[in-house]
N, C-alpha and C. Protein backbone atom coordinates (compact mmCIF):
# COMPACT_ATOMS: atom_id res chain seq x y z
N UNK A 1 150.12 123.39 134.55
CA UNK A 1 149.88 122.38 133.54
C UNK A 1 150.72 122.66 132.30
N UNK A 2 150.95 121.64 131.55
CA UNK A 2 151.80 121.77 130.37
C UNK A 2 150.99 121.48 129.12
N UNK A 3 149.99 122.29 128.89
CA UNK A 3 149.09 122.06 127.77
C UNK A 3 149.81 122.26 126.44
N UNK A 4 150.63 123.27 126.35
CA UNK A 4 151.31 123.56 125.09
C UNK A 4 152.21 122.40 124.67
N UNK A 5 153.00 121.88 125.59
CA UNK A 5 153.90 120.77 125.27
C UNK A 5 153.14 119.51 124.90
N UNK A 6 152.07 119.21 125.63
CA UNK A 6 151.27 118.03 125.31
C UNK A 6 150.60 118.18 123.95
N UNK A 7 150.09 119.36 123.68
CA UNK A 7 149.45 119.60 122.38
C UNK A 7 150.43 119.50 121.23
N UNK A 8 151.61 120.06 121.42
CA UNK A 8 152.63 120.01 120.37
C UNK A 8 153.09 118.59 120.12
N UNK A 9 153.27 117.83 121.20
CA UNK A 9 153.71 116.44 121.01
C UNK A 9 152.62 115.59 120.39
N UNK A 10 151.37 115.81 120.77
CA UNK A 10 150.27 115.07 120.15
C UNK A 10 150.14 115.42 118.67
N UNK A 11 150.29 116.68 118.34
CA UNK A 11 150.23 117.11 116.94
C UNK A 11 151.35 116.50 116.11
N UNK A 12 152.57 116.51 116.65
CA UNK A 12 153.70 115.93 115.93
C UNK A 12 153.53 114.42 115.76
N UNK A 13 153.10 113.75 116.82
CA UNK A 13 152.91 112.31 116.75
C UNK A 13 151.85 111.95 115.71
N UNK A 14 150.70 112.64 115.76
CA UNK A 14 149.62 112.30 114.83
C UNK A 14 150.02 112.59 113.39
N UNK A 15 150.76 113.66 113.17
CA UNK A 15 151.23 113.98 111.83
C UNK A 15 152.10 112.85 111.27
N UNK A 16 153.10 112.43 112.03
CA UNK A 16 154.01 111.39 111.56
C UNK A 16 153.33 110.03 111.50
N UNK A 17 152.42 109.75 112.43
CA UNK A 17 151.71 108.46 112.41
C UNK A 17 150.85 108.32 111.16
N UNK A 18 150.06 109.36 110.85
CA UNK A 18 149.20 109.27 109.68
C UNK A 18 149.99 109.35 108.38
N UNK A 19 151.13 110.03 108.42
CA UNK A 19 152.01 110.02 107.27
C UNK A 19 152.53 108.60 107.01
N UNK A 20 152.86 107.89 108.08
CA UNK A 20 153.30 106.51 107.95
C UNK A 20 152.16 105.63 107.38
N UNK A 21 150.96 105.82 107.84
CA UNK A 21 149.81 105.05 107.34
C UNK A 21 149.62 105.28 105.84
N UNK A 22 149.69 106.52 105.40
CA UNK A 22 149.54 106.82 103.96
C UNK A 22 150.67 106.18 103.18
N UNK A 23 151.89 106.29 103.70
CA UNK A 23 153.05 105.70 103.01
C UNK A 23 152.92 104.19 102.89
N UNK A 24 152.48 103.53 103.95
CA UNK A 24 152.36 102.09 103.93
C UNK A 24 151.20 101.56 103.08
N UNK A 25 150.16 102.37 102.87
CA UNK A 25 148.98 101.89 102.17
C UNK A 25 148.88 102.34 100.71
N UNK A 26 149.64 103.33 100.31
CA UNK A 26 149.47 103.89 98.95
C UNK A 26 149.68 102.86 97.86
N UNK A 27 150.79 102.15 97.87
CA UNK A 27 151.05 101.21 96.79
C UNK A 27 150.02 100.07 96.75
N UNK A 28 149.64 99.58 97.90
CA UNK A 28 148.63 98.52 97.95
C UNK A 28 147.29 99.00 97.40
N UNK A 29 146.91 100.21 97.78
CA UNK A 29 145.65 100.77 97.30
C UNK A 29 145.69 101.07 95.80
N UNK A 30 146.81 101.57 95.31
CA UNK A 30 146.94 101.83 93.87
C UNK A 30 146.81 100.52 93.10
N UNK A 31 147.42 99.49 93.59
CA UNK A 31 147.33 98.18 92.94
C UNK A 31 145.90 97.64 92.97
N UNK A 32 145.22 97.80 94.09
CA UNK A 32 143.87 97.25 94.23
C UNK A 32 142.79 98.11 93.62
N UNK A 33 142.91 99.44 93.73
CA UNK A 33 141.83 100.34 93.32
C UNK A 33 142.15 101.18 92.09
N UNK A 34 143.43 101.35 91.79
CA UNK A 34 143.84 102.29 90.74
C UNK A 34 144.17 103.63 91.36
N UNK A 35 144.84 104.46 90.60
CA UNK A 35 145.33 105.74 91.11
C UNK A 35 144.18 106.67 91.49
N UNK A 36 143.22 106.84 90.61
CA UNK A 36 142.11 107.79 90.86
C UNK A 36 141.33 107.41 92.11
N UNK A 37 140.98 106.15 92.21
CA UNK A 37 140.18 105.71 93.38
C UNK A 37 140.99 105.78 94.67
N UNK A 38 142.27 105.56 94.59
CA UNK A 38 143.12 105.69 95.78
C UNK A 38 143.06 107.11 96.30
N UNK A 39 143.20 108.08 95.42
CA UNK A 39 143.17 109.47 95.88
C UNK A 39 141.77 109.90 96.28
N UNK A 40 140.75 109.28 95.72
CA UNK A 40 139.39 109.55 96.20
C UNK A 40 139.20 109.02 97.62
N UNK A 41 139.78 107.88 97.94
CA UNK A 41 139.72 107.37 99.30
C UNK A 41 140.40 108.34 100.25
N UNK A 42 141.58 108.81 99.90
CA UNK A 42 142.29 109.77 100.73
C UNK A 42 141.51 111.09 100.86
N UNK A 43 140.88 111.52 99.78
CA UNK A 43 140.08 112.74 99.83
C UNK A 43 138.87 112.56 100.76
N UNK A 44 138.24 111.39 100.70
CA UNK A 44 137.10 111.11 101.59
C UNK A 44 137.54 111.15 103.06
N UNK A 45 138.68 110.55 103.34
CA UNK A 45 139.20 110.57 104.70
C UNK A 45 139.47 112.00 105.15
N UNK A 46 139.99 112.80 104.25
CA UNK A 46 140.26 114.21 104.58
C UNK A 46 138.97 114.97 104.85
N UNK A 47 137.92 114.69 104.09
CA UNK A 47 136.63 115.36 104.31
C UNK A 47 136.05 114.97 105.67
N UNK A 48 136.20 113.72 106.06
CA UNK A 48 135.74 113.30 107.39
C UNK A 48 136.53 114.04 108.47
N UNK A 49 137.82 114.21 108.26
CA UNK A 49 138.67 114.93 109.23
C UNK A 49 138.24 116.38 109.34
N UNK A 50 137.94 117.02 108.22
CA UNK A 50 137.50 118.42 108.23
C UNK A 50 136.16 118.54 108.95
N UNK A 51 135.24 117.62 108.69
CA UNK A 51 133.94 117.65 109.37
C UNK A 51 134.12 117.47 110.88
N UNK A 52 135.00 116.54 111.27
CA UNK A 52 135.30 116.34 112.69
C UNK A 52 135.81 117.62 113.32
N UNK A 53 136.76 118.25 112.66
CA UNK A 53 137.32 119.50 113.18
C UNK A 53 136.27 120.59 113.30
N UNK A 54 135.45 120.73 112.28
CA UNK A 54 134.46 121.81 112.27
C UNK A 54 133.39 121.61 113.36
N UNK A 55 132.92 120.38 113.51
CA UNK A 55 131.80 120.15 114.41
C UNK A 55 132.22 119.81 115.85
N UNK A 56 133.42 119.31 116.07
CA UNK A 56 133.78 118.84 117.40
C UNK A 56 134.95 119.54 118.07
N UNK A 57 135.78 120.24 117.34
CA UNK A 57 136.94 120.90 117.95
C UNK A 57 136.55 122.32 118.33
N UNK A 58 136.77 122.70 119.59
CA UNK A 58 136.39 124.04 120.05
C UNK A 58 137.17 125.14 119.34
N UNK A 59 136.53 126.29 119.18
CA UNK A 59 137.16 127.45 118.58
C UNK A 59 138.09 128.10 119.61
N UNK A 60 139.30 128.43 119.22
CA UNK A 60 140.25 129.07 120.12
C UNK A 60 140.73 130.43 119.62
N UNK A 61 140.15 130.92 118.54
CA UNK A 61 140.57 132.21 117.98
C UNK A 61 140.38 133.33 118.99
N UNK A 62 141.40 134.14 119.17
CA UNK A 62 141.32 135.29 120.06
C UNK A 62 141.48 134.96 121.54
N UNK A 63 141.82 133.73 121.87
CA UNK A 63 142.02 133.35 123.26
C UNK A 63 143.50 133.11 123.51
N UNK A 64 143.94 133.54 124.67
CA UNK A 64 145.34 133.29 125.02
C UNK A 64 145.51 131.84 125.44
N UNK A 65 146.75 131.36 125.44
CA UNK A 65 147.02 129.99 125.89
C UNK A 65 146.60 129.80 127.34
N UNK A 66 146.72 130.84 128.13
CA UNK A 66 146.34 130.74 129.54
C UNK A 66 144.83 130.58 129.67
N UNK A 67 144.05 131.31 128.85
CA UNK A 67 142.60 131.16 128.88
C UNK A 67 142.18 129.76 128.45
N UNK A 68 142.81 129.27 127.39
CA UNK A 68 142.50 127.91 126.92
C UNK A 68 142.84 126.89 127.99
N UNK A 69 144.00 127.02 128.59
CA UNK A 69 144.43 126.09 129.64
C UNK A 69 143.46 126.13 130.82
N UNK A 70 143.03 127.33 131.20
CA UNK A 70 142.11 127.48 132.34
C UNK A 70 140.77 126.80 132.02
N UNK A 71 140.25 127.02 130.83
CA UNK A 71 138.98 126.39 130.45
C UNK A 71 139.09 124.87 130.39
N UNK A 72 140.21 124.37 129.87
CA UNK A 72 140.41 122.93 129.82
C UNK A 72 140.49 122.34 131.21
N UNK A 73 141.19 123.01 132.12
CA UNK A 73 141.34 122.48 133.47
C UNK A 73 140.01 122.46 134.22
N UNK A 74 139.11 123.40 133.88
CA UNK A 74 137.79 123.43 134.52
C UNK A 74 136.74 122.67 133.73
N UNK A 75 137.16 122.07 132.62
CA UNK A 75 136.24 121.33 131.75
C UNK A 75 135.09 122.22 131.26
N UNK A 76 135.42 123.48 130.94
CA UNK A 76 134.43 124.44 130.42
C UNK A 76 134.75 124.82 128.98
N UNK A 77 135.19 123.90 128.20
CA UNK A 77 135.60 124.20 126.84
C UNK A 77 134.52 123.71 125.89
N UNK A 78 133.82 124.62 125.27
CA UNK A 78 132.68 124.27 124.43
C UNK A 78 132.95 124.58 122.98
N UNK A 79 132.29 123.85 122.11
CA UNK A 79 132.37 124.14 120.68
C UNK A 79 131.64 125.44 120.41
N UNK A 80 132.01 126.13 119.35
CA UNK A 80 131.43 127.43 119.05
C UNK A 80 129.92 127.39 118.84
N UNK A 81 129.36 126.24 118.42
CA UNK A 81 127.93 126.19 118.17
C UNK A 81 127.12 125.65 119.34
N UNK A 82 127.81 125.21 120.42
CA UNK A 82 127.10 124.70 121.58
C UNK A 82 126.72 125.83 122.50
N UNK A 83 125.62 125.67 123.15
CA UNK A 83 125.18 126.72 124.10
C UNK A 83 126.17 126.78 125.26
N UNK A 84 126.57 127.99 125.56
CA UNK A 84 127.51 128.19 126.68
C UNK A 84 126.69 128.47 127.95
N UNK A 85 127.11 127.91 129.08
CA UNK A 85 126.38 128.19 130.31
C UNK A 85 126.56 129.64 130.73
N UNK A 86 125.55 130.16 131.40
CA UNK A 86 125.60 131.55 131.85
C UNK A 86 126.69 131.72 132.90
N UNK A 87 127.39 132.86 132.81
CA UNK A 87 128.39 133.16 133.82
C UNK A 87 129.74 132.92 133.39
């Protein structure tokens, strides 16, 4: 499997896609909401993203890419706070 390549391409795509969204919406939001409220909107979106990452993205610290790939292929990848099955 090519988990590393898929992950890298997904990361690059999402980075540039959301950068495009911010670029396209900044001037319209500044005009409609003002500078402070525009950045508050972006800060709120960032907080939602951090909460998503903390609660839903599995912890991979200390695991090799091969271990991560193996767990993903077996669909045994759990979040750090979820109960792990025995064995």
